[in-house]
Amino acid sequence: MRTIIHSIHSQVPATIGSLDRRPDLIISLDSHLDVSLGGDYGVYPEELRVIAQRTSVHSALREATGGVSSLIASHKGRRGESRVMVAIPELMLVKHAEDVEQSLPPHLRFPDTGQSVSSVVEFLRSAIGIEIYQSPPKNLMSLIPSLQGRDWLLDVDVDYMREMQDECYTQIKDTANGVLQSMSNVVRFIEATKPETVTISEAKVSAIRSKSSAFSSFLDRIRKSGYGVEERGIYGSDSEVERGIAVCEEFYLKTSRRLMKDHMEAMMMGDLRDFDKEEASAARDFFRRKGYSV
């Protein structure tokens, strides 16, 4: 059994694609839904693309197992049978749904949060092929019966765990009991299920290198369960990752999001031409000002 550690969550799909055996099920433990359908990551400087792709990891995981969303399949004439299940805390799912609502024109928004959440869950299931498991409050152990006889892989973004918030790149501010999952529950799930491969990502370099970190404690428990540990794509420093994340977020908030709102009606009809043209032009100017070659 093996555990493979990455700095950035978007490094994981390539790792899965390189495995000798492709899992037919991936369970991803995450405090965020990374389900962007893609966008043109070519507008980002090459050294930032892995970081920019953090927003579409769960979509990419489905493709890594050989599956495709129905949106893509409608053009290719096929639908993949692989499964991706994202275990996400209920309150973080609500926040995601609220963010989606704010990006929509007012006449397309739902009047209450429950309808908004249900809409997001149904869209992910039917259009992209991603299932949602709200945990907490649901118990991770309740997933065990569905794993029997499956060739499956466990993917862990460490920001899913309450104890990791000081040691991950995207911290959750509200960490009261029940908001995020506990590290002990994740360890118990791994000990009980023994997935052949566990991928781990988003821990800070400083936490990976420190013997006294919560991350190292987590890894020690996994080793005691019989796992070998490998590193793949660990960055040289936290400052390198944090700067990349900050630049990508600034580009999205100040440029891409504004352009999406300007072109929302056309984009919802499938016409991305004007948006793509304006985004590419704005990206060249933005990243040059930040010192990147484009």
Protein backbone atom coordinates (compact mmCIF):
# COMPACT_ATOMS: atom_id res chain seq x y z
CA MET A 1 0.00 0.00 0.00
CA ARG A 2 1.26 3.46 -0.85
CA THR A 3 0.67 7.06 0.15
CA ILE A 4 1.73 9.73 -2.34
CA ILE A 5 2.17 13.31 -1.08
CA HIS A 6 1.81 16.34 -3.36
CA SER A 7 2.07 20.07 -2.70
CA ILE A 8 -0.85 21.04 -4.94
CA HIS A 9 -4.13 19.17 -5.31
CA SER A 10 -4.11 19.60 -9.08
CA GLN A 11 -0.96 17.45 -9.26
CA VAL A 12 -3.02 14.43 -8.20
CA PRO A 13 -4.89 13.64 -11.47
CA ALA A 14 -1.59 13.16 -13.32
CA THR A 15 -0.41 10.81 -10.57
CA ILE A 16 -3.58 8.76 -10.85
CA GLY A 17 -3.23 8.68 -14.61
CA SER A 18 0.28 7.21 -14.22
CA LEU A 19 -0.79 4.31 -11.99
CA ASP A 20 -0.65 0.77 -13.37
CA ARG A 21 -4.30 0.27 -12.45
CA ARG A 22 -6.93 2.96 -12.87
CA PRO A 23 -9.42 3.00 -9.97
CA ASP A 24 -13.09 2.80 -10.88
CA LEU A 25 -13.94 4.93 -7.83
CA ILE A 26 -12.19 7.88 -6.23
CA ILE A 27 -13.32 9.20 -2.88
CA SER A 28 -11.98 12.71 -2.37
CA LEU A 29 -12.04 14.28 1.09
CA ASP A 30 -12.07 18.05 0.65
CA SER A 31 -13.48 21.20 2.23
CA HIS A 32 -14.05 22.75 -1.22
CA LEU A 33 -15.75 21.72 -4.43
CA ASP A 34 -13.19 22.13 -7.21
CA VAL A 35 -15.50 21.65 -10.16
CA SER A 36 -14.74 24.39 -12.62
CA LEU A 37 -15.40 22.95 -16.07
CA GLY A 38 -12.17 24.19 -17.33
CA GLY A 39 -11.63 27.62 -18.81
CA ASP A 40 -8.51 28.29 -20.77
CA TYR A 41 -5.63 27.71 -18.38
CA GLY A 42 -3.35 28.64 -21.25
CA VAL A 43 -3.91 32.30 -20.35
CA TYR A 44 -1.82 31.73 -17.20
CA PRO A 45 2.00 31.71 -17.29
CA GLU A 46 3.27 28.14 -17.50
CA GLU A 47 4.70 28.19 -13.98
CA LEU A 48 1.28 29.09 -12.54
CA ARG A 49 -0.93 26.63 -14.40
CA VAL A 50 -0.78 23.83 -11.85
CA ILE A 51 -1.83 26.29 -9.14
CA ALA A 52 -4.58 27.80 -11.32
CA GLN A 53 -5.99 24.33 -11.96
CA ARG A 54 -6.72 23.84 -8.25
CA THR A 55 -10.25 25.11 -9.05
CA SER A 56 -11.03 22.16 -11.35
CA VAL A 57 -9.44 19.20 -9.56
CA HIS A 58 -12.59 17.16 -8.97
CA SER A 59 -13.59 17.47 -12.61
CA ALA A 60 -10.07 16.38 -13.58
CA LEU A 61 -10.20 13.40 -11.21
CA ARG A 62 -13.17 12.03 -13.11
CA GLU A 63 -11.24 12.27 -16.35
CA ALA A 64 -8.23 10.62 -14.68
CA THR A 65 -10.31 7.49 -14.05
CA GLY A 66 -11.34 7.30 -17.69
CA GLY A 67 -14.72 8.98 -17.23
CA VAL A 68 -16.01 12.17 -18.78
CA SER A 69 -18.87 14.47 -17.87
CA SER A 70 -22.10 14.23 -19.82
CA LEU A 71 -21.37 17.75 -21.09
CA ILE A 72 -18.21 16.50 -22.77
CA ALA A 73 -19.69 13.11 -23.64
CA SER A 74 -22.47 14.79 -25.61
CA HIS A 75 -19.80 15.91 -28.06
CA LYS A 76 -17.80 12.68 -28.02
CA GLY A 77 -20.77 10.33 -28.06
CA ARG A 78 -19.87 8.44 -24.87
CA ARG A 79 -20.30 8.55 -21.14
CA GLY A 80 -17.69 7.20 -18.74
CA GLU A 81 -18.78 4.76 -16.04
CA SER A 82 -16.17 5.66 -13.42
CA ARG A 83 -17.22 7.44 -10.24
CA VAL A 84 -15.88 10.32 -8.20
CA MET A 85 -17.39 10.98 -4.81
CA VAL A 86 -16.48 14.15 -2.92
CA ALA A 87 -16.94 14.07 0.85
CA ILE A 88 -17.39 17.71 1.84
CA PRO A 89 -18.58 19.25 5.11
CA GLU A 90 -22.22 20.31 4.89
CA LEU A 91 -21.54 23.92 5.84
CA MET A 92 -18.82 24.22 3.19
CA LEU A 93 -21.24 22.86 0.58
CA VAL A 94 -23.71 25.56 1.60
CA LYS A 95 -21.00 28.21 1.16
CA HIS A 96 -20.19 26.86 -2.31
CA ALA A 97 -23.86 27.02 -3.31
CA GLU A 98 -24.11 30.60 -2.06
CA ASP A 99 -21.05 31.56 -4.12
CA VAL A 100 -22.64 29.99 -7.22
CA GLU A 101 -25.85 31.93 -6.62
CA GLN A 102 -23.98 35.23 -6.47
CA SER A 103 -22.43 34.59 -9.88
CA LEU A 104 -25.82 34.05 -11.55
CA PRO A 105 -28.15 36.71 -12.95
CA PRO A 106 -30.84 37.57 -10.34
CA HIS A 107 -33.67 35.92 -12.31
CA LEU A 108 -31.86 32.55 -12.22
CA ARG A 109 -31.20 32.49 -8.48
CA PHE A 110 -33.12 30.25 -6.08
CA PRO A 111 -35.13 31.85 -3.28
CA ASP A 112 -33.66 29.73 -0.47
CA THR A 113 -30.41 27.98 0.42
CA GLY A 114 -31.88 24.47 0.44
CA GLN A 115 -32.97 24.73 -3.18
CA SER A 116 -29.61 26.17 -4.15
CA VAL A 117 -27.71 23.30 -2.51
CA SER A 118 -30.00 20.70 -4.10
CA SER A 119 -29.47 22.31 -7.50
CA VAL A 120 -25.68 22.18 -7.14
CA VAL A 121 -25.72 18.54 -6.00
CA GLU A 122 -28.03 17.48 -8.85
CA PHE A 123 -26.00 19.36 -11.46
CA LEU A 124 -22.78 17.73 -10.32
CA ARG A 125 -24.38 14.28 -10.36
CA SER A 126 -26.17 14.49 -13.68
CA ALA A 127 -23.91 16.75 -15.74
CA ILE A 128 -20.42 15.99 -14.45
CA GLY A 129 -20.77 12.59 -12.81
CA ILE A 130 -19.60 13.67 -9.35
CA GLU A 131 -21.47 12.46 -6.28
CA ILE A 132 -21.61 14.50 -3.07
CA TYR A 133 -21.39 13.02 0.42
CA GLN A 134 -21.98 15.59 3.15
CA SER A 135 -19.56 14.66 5.91
CA PRO A 136 -19.84 15.99 8.52
CA PRO A 137 -22.62 15.48 9.53
CA LYS A 138 -22.64 12.05 7.84
CA ASN A 139 -20.16 9.52 9.22
CA LEU A 140 -17.30 8.50 6.93
CA MET A 141 -17.66 4.93 8.18
CA SER A 142 -21.08 4.75 6.53
CA LEU A 143 -19.26 4.71 3.17
CA ILE A 144 -17.64 1.34 3.88
CA PRO A 145 -20.43 -0.91 2.51
CA SER A 146 -20.28 0.86 -0.86
CA LEU A 147 -16.56 0.10 -1.14
CA GLN A 148 -16.86 -3.67 -1.06
CA GLY A 149 -15.42 -5.21 -4.21
CA ARG A 150 -14.40 -1.86 -5.68
CA ASP A 151 -10.99 -0.90 -7.06
CA TRP A 152 -10.92 2.47 -5.37
CA LEU A 153 -8.52 5.23 -4.36
CA LEU A 154 -8.67 7.72 -1.49
CA ASP A 155 -7.71 11.33 -2.20
CA VAL A 156 -7.16 13.65 0.78
CA ASP A 157 -6.89 17.43 0.61
CA VAL A 158 -5.67 18.18 4.11
CA ASP A 159 -7.82 21.31 4.47
CA TYR A 160 -10.71 18.85 5.03
CA MET A 161 -9.39 18.30 8.57
CA ARG A 162 -9.86 20.75 11.43
CA GLU A 163 -6.39 20.14 12.91
CA MET A 164 -4.65 20.97 9.61
CA GLN A 165 -5.89 24.54 9.19
CA ASP A 166 -2.64 26.16 10.30
CA GLU A 167 -0.68 23.83 8.00
CA CYS A 168 -2.58 24.07 4.69
CA TYR A 169 -2.65 26.65 1.90
CA THR A 170 -6.38 27.49 1.98
CA GLN A 171 -7.50 27.89 5.57
CA ILE A 172 -11.08 27.72 6.80
CA LYS A 173 -11.82 30.41 9.39
CA ASP A 174 -14.78 28.74 11.12
CA THR A 175 -13.37 25.55 12.65
CA ALA A 176 -15.89 24.92 15.43
CA ASN A 177 -16.77 21.29 16.12
CA GLY A 178 -18.92 19.91 13.33
CA VAL A 179 -17.83 22.39 10.68
CA LEU A 180 -14.87 20.36 9.44
CA GLN A 181 -13.91 16.71 9.78
CA SER A 182 -11.49 15.62 12.52
CA MET A 183 -8.13 14.10 11.72
CA SER A 184 -8.87 11.12 13.97
CA ASN A 185 -12.00 10.28 11.95
CA VAL A 186 -10.02 10.34 8.71
CA VAL A 187 -7.34 8.10 10.20
CA ARG A 188 -9.97 5.64 11.46
CA PHE A 189 -11.53 5.55 8.00
CA ILE A 190 -8.17 4.72 6.41
CA GLU A 191 -7.40 2.08 9.04
CA ALA A 192 -10.79 0.45 8.51
CA THR A 193 -10.81 0.46 4.71
CA LYS A 194 -7.13 0.09 3.73
CA PRO A 195 -7.29 1.63 0.24
CA GLU A 196 -4.37 0.46 -1.90
CA THR A 197 -3.40 4.05 -2.77
CA VAL A 198 -3.90 7.27 -0.81
CA THR A 199 -3.04 10.62 -2.40
CA ILE A 200 -2.50 13.59 -0.10
CA SER A 201 -2.11 17.26 -1.03
CA GLU A 202 -2.17 20.91 0.07
CA ALA A 203 -0.01 20.58 3.21
CA LYS A 204 2.54 23.35 3.54
CA VAL A 205 6.15 22.46 2.85
CA SER A 206 7.01 23.57 6.38
CA ALA A 207 4.46 21.11 7.79
CA ILE A 208 5.74 18.25 5.63
CA ARG A 209 9.32 18.88 6.79
CA SER A 210 8.54 19.41 10.49
CA LYS A 211 8.58 16.30 12.67
CA SER A 212 6.33 18.01 15.24
CA SER A 213 3.55 19.14 12.87
CA ALA A 214 0.00 17.85 12.85
CA PHE A 215 0.66 16.67 9.31
CA SER A 216 3.61 14.52 10.45
CA SER A 217 1.43 13.06 13.20
CA PHE A 218 -1.19 12.21 10.57
CA LEU A 219 1.45 10.60 8.36
CA ASP A 220 2.86 8.57 11.26
CA ARG A 221 -0.57 7.05 11.87
CA ILE A 222 -0.81 6.13 8.20
CA ARG A 223 2.65 4.54 8.23
CA LYS A 224 1.64 2.43 11.23
CA SER A 225 -1.25 1.13 9.16
CA GLY A 226 1.24 -0.35 6.70
CA TYR A 227 1.64 2.39 4.11
CA GLY A 228 4.83 3.38 2.35
CA VAL A 229 5.20 7.12 1.79
CA GLU A 230 6.35 8.81 -1.42
CA GLU A 231 6.69 12.47 -2.38
CA ARG A 232 5.79 13.78 -5.80
CA GLY A 233 5.99 17.42 -6.85
CA ILE A 234 6.79 19.00 -3.49
CA TYR A 235 7.61 22.68 -3.97
CA GLY A 236 10.80 24.24 -2.68
CA SER A 237 9.16 26.67 -0.26
CA ASP A 238 5.80 27.84 1.04
CA SER A 239 6.48 31.36 -0.21
CA GLU A 240 6.65 30.10 -3.79
CA VAL A 241 3.26 28.40 -3.48
CA GLU A 242 1.62 31.24 -1.55
CA ARG A 243 2.72 33.85 -4.07
CA GLY A 244 1.37 31.72 -6.92
CA ILE A 245 -1.97 31.26 -5.17
CA ALA A 246 -2.23 34.98 -4.39
CA VAL A 247 -1.52 36.01 -8.00
CA CYS A 248 -4.01 33.49 -9.42
CA GLU A 249 -6.70 34.59 -6.97
CA GLU A 250 -6.10 38.25 -7.76
CA PHE A 251 -6.41 37.58 -11.50
CA TYR A 252 -9.68 35.71 -10.94
CA LEU A 253 -11.22 38.28 -8.59
CA LYS A 254 -10.17 41.41 -10.45
CA THR A 255 -10.29 40.19 -14.04
CA SER A 256 -11.91 36.84 -14.85
CA ARG A 257 -14.90 37.17 -12.52
CA ARG A 258 -15.70 40.65 -13.79
CA LEU A 259 -15.52 39.47 -17.40
CA MET A 260 -17.69 36.46 -16.64
CA LYS A 261 -20.39 38.71 -15.21
CA ASP A 262 -20.18 40.96 -18.27
CA HIS A 263 -20.60 37.98 -20.61
CA MET A 264 -22.77 35.70 -18.44
CA GLU A 265 -25.81 35.63 -20.71
CA ALA A 266 -23.77 34.68 -23.79
CA MET A 267 -21.70 32.13 -21.85
CA MET A 268 -24.84 30.40 -20.56
CA MET A 269 -25.87 29.98 -24.20
CA GLY A 270 -22.51 28.38 -24.95
CA ASP A 271 -20.94 31.37 -26.66
CA LEU A 272 -17.51 31.96 -25.09
CA ARG A 273 -15.84 33.79 -27.96
CA ASP A 274 -15.96 37.34 -26.65
CA PHE A 275 -15.13 36.26 -23.09
CA ASP A 276 -12.14 34.17 -24.21
CA LYS A 277 -10.79 37.00 -26.37
CA GLU A 278 -11.07 39.63 -23.66
CA GLU A 279 -9.73 37.34 -20.93
CA ALA A 280 -6.64 36.41 -22.98
CA SER A 281 -5.85 40.08 -23.65
CA ALA A 282 -6.37 41.06 -20.02
CA ALA A 283 -4.27 38.11 -18.82
CA ARG A 284 -1.27 39.17 -20.89
CA ASP A 285 -1.32 42.64 -19.37
CA PHE A 286 -1.98 41.42 -15.82
CA PHE A 287 0.76 38.79 -15.63
CA ARG A 288 3.36 41.00 -17.28
CA ARG A 289 2.73 43.57 -14.56
CA LYS A 290 3.34 40.80 -12.02
CA GLY A 291 6.69 39.93 -13.58
CA TYR A 292 5.73 36.74 -15.42
CA SER A 293 6.57 36.01 -19.05
CA VAL A 294 3.49 35.19 -21.14
